Amino acid sequence: MSRIVRTESNAILAKVVEHHGFIYTQGVVATDLAGDIATQTKNILDQIDALLELHGTDNTRLLQALIWLKSIDDRAAMNAVWSAWLPEGGAPARACVEAKLADPRYLVEIMVTACR
């Protein structure tokens, strides 16, 4: 049977699930909710970097990203931070939608799938 590694799991989710060399993150939100969309996006991407590193990979191995924005009007500002973070030629398949997020202070939530 294949091994499944769950990082910091609780009753409802794990921060990361790894299976067969694929890394699936939770929906990551900012830890500092006072910031604007650029600040929250940067904070989230820093957290994603740490989660990927913990599982032996990085943003050069991204396969897919799901992004939820409180307001689709923030898409351009979020994309500026997102694009600067991505390696050249390394953009994953991606969806970006407006959604009602769990806390009204969340401006963005990002979930990625990567491989080793």
N, C-alpha and C. Protein backbone atom coordinates (compact mmCIF):
# COMPACT_ATOMS: atom_id res chain seq x y z
N MET A 1 0.84 -1.18 0.00
CA MET A 1 0.00 0.00 0.00
C MET A 1 0.89 1.25 0.00
N SER A 2 0.51 2.26 -0.74
CA SER A 2 1.27 3.49 -0.84
C SER A 2 1.21 4.28 0.45
N ARG A 3 2.32 4.89 0.78
CA ARG A 3 2.41 5.71 1.99
C ARG A 3 1.84 7.10 1.74
N ILE A 4 1.04 7.59 2.67
CA ILE A 4 0.51 8.94 2.63
C ILE A 4 1.05 9.67 3.84
N VAL A 5 1.67 10.84 3.61
CA VAL A 5 2.22 11.65 4.69
C VAL A 5 1.31 12.86 4.87
N ARG A 6 0.84 13.05 6.09
CA ARG A 6 0.00 14.20 6.41
C ARG A 6 0.76 15.09 7.39
N THR A 7 0.92 16.36 7.04
CA THR A 7 1.64 17.31 7.87
C THR A 7 0.66 18.17 8.65
N GLU A 8 0.84 18.17 9.96
CA GLU A 8 0.01 18.97 10.87
C GLU A 8 -1.49 18.78 10.61
N SER A 9 -1.91 17.52 10.65
CA SER A 9 -3.33 17.25 10.42
C SER A 9 -4.11 17.39 11.72
N ASN A 10 -5.39 17.71 11.56
CA ASN A 10 -6.30 17.77 12.70
C ASN A 10 -7.61 17.11 12.28
N ALA A 11 -8.67 17.39 12.96
CA ALA A 11 -9.94 16.73 12.68
C ALA A 11 -10.54 17.08 11.32
N ILE A 12 -10.14 18.24 10.75
CA ILE A 12 -10.78 18.64 9.48
C ILE A 12 -9.83 18.81 8.31
N LEU A 13 -8.52 18.95 8.55
CA LEU A 13 -7.60 19.13 7.42
C LEU A 13 -6.17 18.88 7.83
N ALA A 14 -5.32 18.75 6.83
CA ALA A 14 -3.88 18.70 7.01
C ALA A 14 -3.29 19.90 6.27
N LYS A 15 -2.20 20.45 6.77
CA LYS A 15 -1.56 21.56 6.06
C LYS A 15 -1.06 21.09 4.70
N VAL A 16 -0.53 19.86 4.67
CA VAL A 16 -0.03 19.27 3.43
C VAL A 16 -0.31 17.78 3.46
N VAL A 17 -0.64 17.23 2.30
CA VAL A 17 -0.72 15.79 2.12
C VAL A 17 0.24 15.44 0.99
N GLU A 18 1.09 14.45 1.24
CA GLU A 18 2.03 13.99 0.21
C GLU A 18 1.73 12.53 -0.11
N HIS A 19 1.69 12.24 -1.41
CA HIS A 19 1.42 10.88 -1.87
C HIS A 19 2.10 10.68 -3.21
N HIS A 20 2.89 9.62 -3.33
CA HIS A 20 3.60 9.31 -4.58
C HIS A 20 4.39 10.50 -5.13
N GLY A 21 4.97 11.30 -4.25
CA GLY A 21 5.78 12.44 -4.69
C GLY A 21 5.00 13.67 -5.07
N PHE A 22 3.69 13.63 -4.90
CA PHE A 22 2.85 14.81 -5.15
C PHE A 22 2.54 15.47 -3.81
N ILE A 23 2.59 16.78 -3.80
CA ILE A 23 2.37 17.57 -2.59
C ILE A 23 1.14 18.43 -2.81
N TYR A 24 0.16 18.28 -1.92
CA TYR A 24 -1.09 19.03 -1.98
C TYR A 24 -1.18 19.90 -0.74
N THR A 25 -1.23 21.22 -0.90
CA THR A 25 -1.34 22.07 0.28
C THR A 25 -2.79 22.36 0.61
N GLN A 26 -2.99 22.76 1.85
CA GLN A 26 -4.28 23.30 2.25
C GLN A 26 -4.49 24.63 1.54
N GLY A 27 -5.66 25.19 1.64
CA GLY A 27 -5.86 26.57 1.23
C GLY A 27 -5.14 27.44 2.25
N VAL A 28 -4.12 28.18 1.82
CA VAL A 28 -3.30 28.97 2.73
C VAL A 28 -3.80 30.41 2.73
N VAL A 29 -3.94 30.96 3.94
CA VAL A 29 -4.36 32.35 4.11
C VAL A 29 -3.28 33.10 4.87
N ALA A 30 -3.34 34.41 4.82
CA ALA A 30 -2.34 35.24 5.48
C ALA A 30 -2.41 35.10 7.00
N THR A 31 -1.26 35.20 7.63
CA THR A 31 -1.20 35.20 9.10
C THR A 31 -1.37 36.61 9.65
N ASP A 32 -1.07 37.62 8.84
CA ASP A 32 -1.27 39.02 9.23
C ASP A 32 -2.42 39.56 8.38
N LEU A 33 -3.58 39.72 9.00
CA LEU A 33 -4.77 40.09 8.25
C LEU A 33 -4.95 41.60 8.12
N ALA A 34 -4.01 42.37 8.62
CA ALA A 34 -4.10 43.84 8.51
C ALA A 34 -3.58 44.34 7.16
N GLY A 35 -2.88 43.50 6.43
CA GLY A 35 -2.26 43.92 5.18
C GLY A 35 -3.21 44.00 4.01
N ASP A 36 -2.77 44.69 2.97
CA ASP A 36 -3.54 44.78 1.73
C ASP A 36 -3.35 43.49 0.92
N ILE A 37 -3.90 43.44 -0.27
CA ILE A 37 -3.85 42.23 -1.08
C ILE A 37 -2.41 41.82 -1.40
N ALA A 38 -1.54 42.78 -1.70
CA ALA A 38 -0.15 42.45 -2.01
C ALA A 38 0.55 41.87 -0.79
N THR A 39 0.33 42.47 0.37
CA THR A 39 0.96 42.00 1.60
C THR A 39 0.46 40.61 1.97
N GLN A 40 -0.85 40.40 1.88
CA GLN A 40 -1.38 39.07 2.19
C GLN A 40 -0.89 38.03 1.20
N THR A 41 -0.84 38.37 -0.08
CA THR A 41 -0.35 37.41 -1.08
C THR A 41 1.10 37.04 -0.81
N LYS A 42 1.94 38.01 -0.52
CA LYS A 42 3.36 37.74 -0.22
C LYS A 42 3.47 36.84 1.00
N ASN A 43 2.69 37.11 2.05
CA ASN A 43 2.71 36.29 3.25
C ASN A 43 2.32 34.85 2.94
N ILE A 44 1.29 34.68 2.14
CA ILE A 44 0.83 33.34 1.75
C ILE A 44 1.90 32.61 0.95
N LEU A 45 2.52 33.28 0.00
CA LEU A 45 3.54 32.63 -0.83
C LEU A 45 4.77 32.26 0.01
N ASP A 46 5.10 33.06 1.00
CA ASP A 46 6.19 32.69 1.92
C ASP A 46 5.83 31.42 2.69
N GLN A 47 4.57 31.31 3.12
CA GLN A 47 4.13 30.10 3.82
C GLN A 47 4.17 28.89 2.88
N ILE A 48 3.74 29.08 1.65
CA ILE A 48 3.77 27.98 0.67
C ILE A 48 5.21 27.55 0.42
N ASP A 49 6.14 28.51 0.29
CA ASP A 49 7.56 28.15 0.14
C ASP A 49 8.00 27.24 1.28
N ALA A 50 7.64 27.59 2.51
CA ALA A 50 8.05 26.79 3.68
C ALA A 50 7.42 25.40 3.65
N LEU A 51 6.15 25.31 3.27
CA LEU A 51 5.49 24.01 3.20
C LEU A 51 6.12 23.13 2.13
N LEU A 52 6.40 23.71 0.97
CA LEU A 52 7.03 22.94 -0.10
C LEU A 52 8.42 22.48 0.30
N GLU A 53 9.20 23.37 0.93
CA GLU A 53 10.55 23.02 1.37
C GLU A 53 10.50 21.87 2.38
N LEU A 54 9.54 21.90 3.28
CA LEU A 54 9.37 20.84 4.26
C LEU A 54 9.19 19.48 3.59
N HIS A 55 8.62 19.49 2.40
CA HIS A 55 8.39 18.24 1.65
C HIS A 55 9.38 18.05 0.52
N GLY A 56 10.49 18.77 0.55
CA GLY A 56 11.58 18.52 -0.39
C GLY A 56 11.37 19.03 -1.79
N THR A 57 10.60 20.10 -1.94
CA THR A 57 10.39 20.65 -3.27
C THR A 57 10.29 22.17 -3.17
N ASP A 58 9.96 22.82 -4.27
CA ASP A 58 9.85 24.28 -4.28
C ASP A 58 8.93 24.72 -5.41
N ASN A 59 8.83 26.03 -5.60
CA ASN A 59 7.88 26.56 -6.58
C ASN A 59 8.28 26.31 -8.03
N THR A 60 9.44 25.74 -8.28
CA THR A 60 9.80 25.35 -9.65
C THR A 60 9.09 24.06 -10.06
N ARG A 61 8.43 23.40 -9.10
CA ARG A 61 7.78 22.11 -9.36
C ARG A 61 6.26 22.19 -9.21
N LEU A 62 5.71 23.40 -9.34
CA LEU A 62 4.26 23.59 -9.23
C LEU A 62 3.54 22.97 -10.42
N LEU A 63 2.42 22.34 -10.15
CA LEU A 63 1.58 21.76 -11.19
C LEU A 63 0.27 22.52 -11.35
N GLN A 64 -0.31 22.91 -10.21
CA GLN A 64 -1.63 23.53 -10.23
C GLN A 64 -1.76 24.51 -9.07
N ALA A 65 -2.54 25.56 -9.27
CA ALA A 65 -2.87 26.50 -8.20
C ALA A 65 -4.34 26.87 -8.28
N LEU A 66 -4.95 26.97 -7.13
CA LEU A 66 -6.32 27.44 -7.00
C LEU A 66 -6.27 28.68 -6.13
N ILE A 67 -6.82 29.78 -6.63
CA ILE A 67 -6.76 31.05 -5.92
C ILE A 67 -8.17 31.60 -5.77
N TRP A 68 -8.50 31.95 -4.54
CA TRP A 68 -9.78 32.57 -4.23
C TRP A 68 -9.53 33.99 -3.75
N LEU A 69 -10.21 34.94 -4.34
CA LEU A 69 -10.09 36.35 -3.97
C LEU A 69 -11.39 36.84 -3.36
N LYS A 70 -11.29 37.65 -2.32
CA LYS A 70 -12.48 38.27 -1.74
C LYS A 70 -13.13 39.15 -2.79
N SER A 71 -12.31 39.88 -3.55
CA SER A 71 -12.80 40.74 -4.62
C SER A 71 -11.97 40.50 -5.88
N ILE A 72 -12.61 40.17 -6.97
CA ILE A 72 -11.90 39.94 -8.23
C ILE A 72 -11.21 41.22 -8.69
N ASP A 73 -11.61 42.36 -8.16
CA ASP A 73 -10.94 43.63 -8.48
C ASP A 73 -9.50 43.63 -7.98
N ASP A 74 -9.15 42.75 -7.05
CA ASP A 74 -7.77 42.65 -6.53
C ASP A 74 -6.88 41.75 -7.39
N ARG A 75 -7.43 41.21 -8.46
CA ARG A 75 -6.69 40.23 -9.26
C ARG A 75 -5.37 40.78 -9.80
N ALA A 76 -5.38 41.99 -10.33
CA ALA A 76 -4.15 42.55 -10.91
C ALA A 76 -3.06 42.74 -9.85
N ALA A 77 -3.43 43.25 -8.68
CA ALA A 77 -2.44 43.46 -7.62
C ALA A 77 -1.91 42.11 -7.10
N MET A 78 -2.80 41.13 -6.96
CA MET A 78 -2.36 39.79 -6.54
C MET A 78 -1.45 39.19 -7.60
N ASN A 79 -1.83 39.33 -8.88
CA ASN A 79 -1.03 38.77 -9.97
C ASN A 79 0.38 39.36 -10.02
N ALA A 80 0.53 40.63 -9.65
CA ALA A 80 1.86 41.25 -9.66
C ALA A 80 2.79 40.52 -8.68
N VAL A 81 2.28 40.21 -7.49
CA VAL A 81 3.08 39.49 -6.50
C VAL A 81 3.28 38.05 -6.93
N TRP A 82 2.22 37.43 -7.39
CA TRP A 82 2.25 36.03 -7.85
C TRP A 82 3.28 35.87 -8.97
N SER A 83 3.23 36.72 -9.98
CA SER A 83 4.13 36.61 -11.14
C SER A 83 5.59 36.80 -10.74
N ALA A 84 5.84 37.71 -9.80
CA ALA A 84 7.21 37.94 -9.33
C ALA A 84 7.74 36.72 -8.57
N TRP A 85 6.85 35.97 -7.95
CA TRP A 85 7.23 34.78 -7.17
C TRP A 85 7.51 33.57 -8.05
N LEU A 86 6.81 33.47 -9.16
CA LEU A 86 6.96 32.30 -10.04
C LEU A 86 8.31 32.31 -10.75
N PRO A 87 8.90 31.12 -10.93
CA PRO A 87 10.11 31.04 -11.75
C PRO A 87 9.75 31.29 -13.22
N GLU A 88 10.66 31.88 -13.95
CA GLU A 88 10.40 32.16 -15.36
C GLU A 88 10.04 30.87 -16.10
N GLY A 89 8.93 30.90 -16.82
CA GLY A 89 8.47 29.74 -17.58
C GLY A 89 7.88 28.63 -16.72
N GLY A 90 7.64 28.90 -15.42
CA GLY A 90 7.19 27.85 -14.51
C GLY A 90 5.79 28.02 -13.98
N ALA A 91 4.94 28.74 -14.70
CA ALA A 91 3.57 28.94 -14.21
C ALA A 91 2.79 27.62 -14.24
N PRO A 92 2.04 27.35 -13.17
CA PRO A 92 1.22 26.13 -13.15
C PRO A 92 -0.12 26.36 -13.84
N ALA A 93 -0.87 25.29 -14.04
CA ALA A 93 -2.27 25.43 -14.40
C ALA A 93 -2.93 26.14 -13.23
N ARG A 94 -3.89 27.05 -13.51
CA ARG A 94 -4.40 27.87 -12.42
C ARG A 94 -5.84 28.28 -12.64
N ALA A 95 -6.57 28.37 -11.53
CA ALA A 95 -7.90 28.98 -11.52
C ALA A 95 -7.85 30.11 -10.51
N CYS A 96 -8.55 31.19 -10.80
CA CYS A 96 -8.61 32.34 -9.89
C CYS A 96 -10.04 32.86 -9.93
N VAL A 97 -10.71 32.81 -8.79
CA VAL A 97 -12.12 33.20 -8.75
C VAL A 97 -12.41 34.09 -7.54
N GLU A 98 -13.50 34.82 -7.62
CA GLU A 98 -13.98 35.59 -6.48
C GLU A 98 -14.84 34.67 -5.63
N ALA A 99 -14.65 34.76 -4.30
CA ALA A 99 -15.40 33.89 -3.40
C ALA A 99 -15.57 34.56 -2.04
N LYS A 100 -16.60 34.16 -1.35
CA LYS A 100 -16.77 34.59 0.04
C LYS A 100 -15.86 33.71 0.88
N LEU A 101 -14.87 34.31 1.54
CA LEU A 101 -13.89 33.55 2.31
C LEU A 101 -14.34 33.41 3.77
N ALA A 102 -13.72 32.51 4.51
CA ALA A 102 -14.15 32.15 5.85
C ALA A 102 -14.09 33.29 6.86
N ASP A 103 -13.21 34.24 6.65
CA ASP A 103 -13.08 35.39 7.55
C ASP A 103 -13.10 36.63 6.65
N PRO A 104 -13.90 37.63 6.95
CA PRO A 104 -13.98 38.81 6.07
C PRO A 104 -12.67 39.57 5.94
N ARG A 105 -11.71 39.32 6.83
CA ARG A 105 -10.40 39.98 6.72
C ARG A 105 -9.49 39.29 5.71
N TYR A 106 -9.81 38.04 5.34
CA TYR A 106 -9.03 37.34 4.31
C TYR A 106 -9.32 37.99 2.97
N LEU A 107 -8.26 38.38 2.27
CA LEU A 107 -8.42 38.94 0.94
C LEU A 107 -8.11 37.93 -0.15
N VAL A 108 -7.35 36.89 0.20
CA VAL A 108 -6.94 35.88 -0.77
C VAL A 108 -6.63 34.58 -0.04
N GLU A 109 -6.88 33.47 -0.72
CA GLU A 109 -6.52 32.13 -0.24
C GLU A 109 -5.94 31.38 -1.42
N ILE A 110 -4.84 30.68 -1.20
CA ILE A 110 -4.15 29.99 -2.30
C ILE A 110 -3.85 28.55 -1.89
N MET A 111 -4.12 27.64 -2.81
CA MET A 111 -3.86 26.21 -2.63
C MET A 111 -3.04 25.74 -3.83
N VAL A 112 -1.96 24.98 -3.60
CA VAL A 112 -1.16 24.52 -4.72
C VAL A 112 -0.94 23.00 -4.66
N THR A 113 -0.67 22.47 -5.82
CA THR A 113 -0.23 21.08 -5.97
C THR A 113 1.14 21.15 -6.65
N ALA A 114 2.08 20.39 -6.09
CA ALA A 114 3.44 20.36 -6.66
C ALA A 114 3.91 18.91 -6.65
N CYS A 115 5.09 18.70 -7.21
CA CYS A 115 5.70 17.37 -7.16
C CYS A 115 7.15 17.52 -6.73
N ARG A 116 7.73 16.41 -6.36
CA ARG A 116 9.16 16.44 -5.97
C ARG A 116 10.03 16.56 -7.19
